[in-house]
């Protein structure tokens, strides 16, 4: 069984997207996603320095975009399981078919902006607690009024809360534990993010998720999610709830995962999995950081995905609305018509004028998901191209 993992905030590095832009269509894809988020993903992934890409409002959409950009180069039809750490869960939701790539990117943009705004309300931060007895660590956090924002396994808990409380924890660490302050803007995954959770909930209420097409683990409790609406609710709740990556890894072990592929920027989750699953039969791990790693990733997928002899079924691609407005399909375009990449499917009438909707892939138009004069929102599915999902 193969698990594909998508990393969270803190895994980014300056220039990590540069080699990916050499692939055909990669830059245009990123520019389209930049339009959805309001941040320049191309520049952030290639030219921005470490401080700039540490900005939560920029980092979150950048990470989701990088994972999905790399995933588009892989034959993921038969992948058994996906999971993501924190904001990486949005990328995992797209890979599981619960959200379109555009919806995941747009939600990452909203999530990042709102969490950055919440960080500005009062001075808070985070610190990694490395080692120590787990119960003693949690007790020490409670004593200082701190929250266990991330429980990452491998003897790592991330404490979050007021800066003065973090200072006291550093001065009085639990026995055999080491405290490392993290360069983050605030206390993520704690009640301090309440305004961000409310804002994300308001936006997420307007999307229409699908049922997961493969096993999708939730950061709330490490459990597989069965329904799309439940997953969206969990994604919203997770803004203020702890990330239980330790429980996700326990599920990987319980399910007998034999291969792990981490999407870019890869390395952090692979290291945690390697340490945590060592006693249960260490899985084969591939970290995908540049296009040079694609052959190894494809080989891992071929050897660890799906039942023996299973042939992957063709999967559809969904075209989504680029803006808010009213949709009008192109004249004479009916279900079953063959489409070419870039072909105009219709337009969305906005206050600023019509915005074209084009096919981002070739194949038959299998289903209209929006019709003449239907109101649409950015990221809302309009048409399906290709085989059945």
Foldseek 3Di string as FASTA:
>chain_A
DEEEEAEDQPLAAEQLCVQVVVDPPLQVVQVLLCLLQVHRLVCRNHPDHPVVCLQLLNVLLNRLSQQVSVCVVADCLQAAEYEYFQSRLLSRCCSQQFAPSSVSSNLSNLLSVLQSVLLVPAPKFKKKKADDDPVQQCVLCVVLVWDQQEDADPRITMTMDHPVSLVVCCVPPHPPIHIGTDPHSHGWQACSSVRSLVRSVVVLVPAGTAFGNHFYAAQQQLHTDGGSVVNSVSSSNRRNHHGYNVRVLVVCLVVPQQEYEYGPVDDPSLVSSQSRCVVSHRHHYQYDRHPVSRVVVNVRCVVRGDDPPDDRDKAKHFFAASAWAFWAFDPPQDFFDWFAAFQWGTWGQDPVGTDTGTHRHTATFHDAPHYGRDTHHHSHTGTIGMDYD
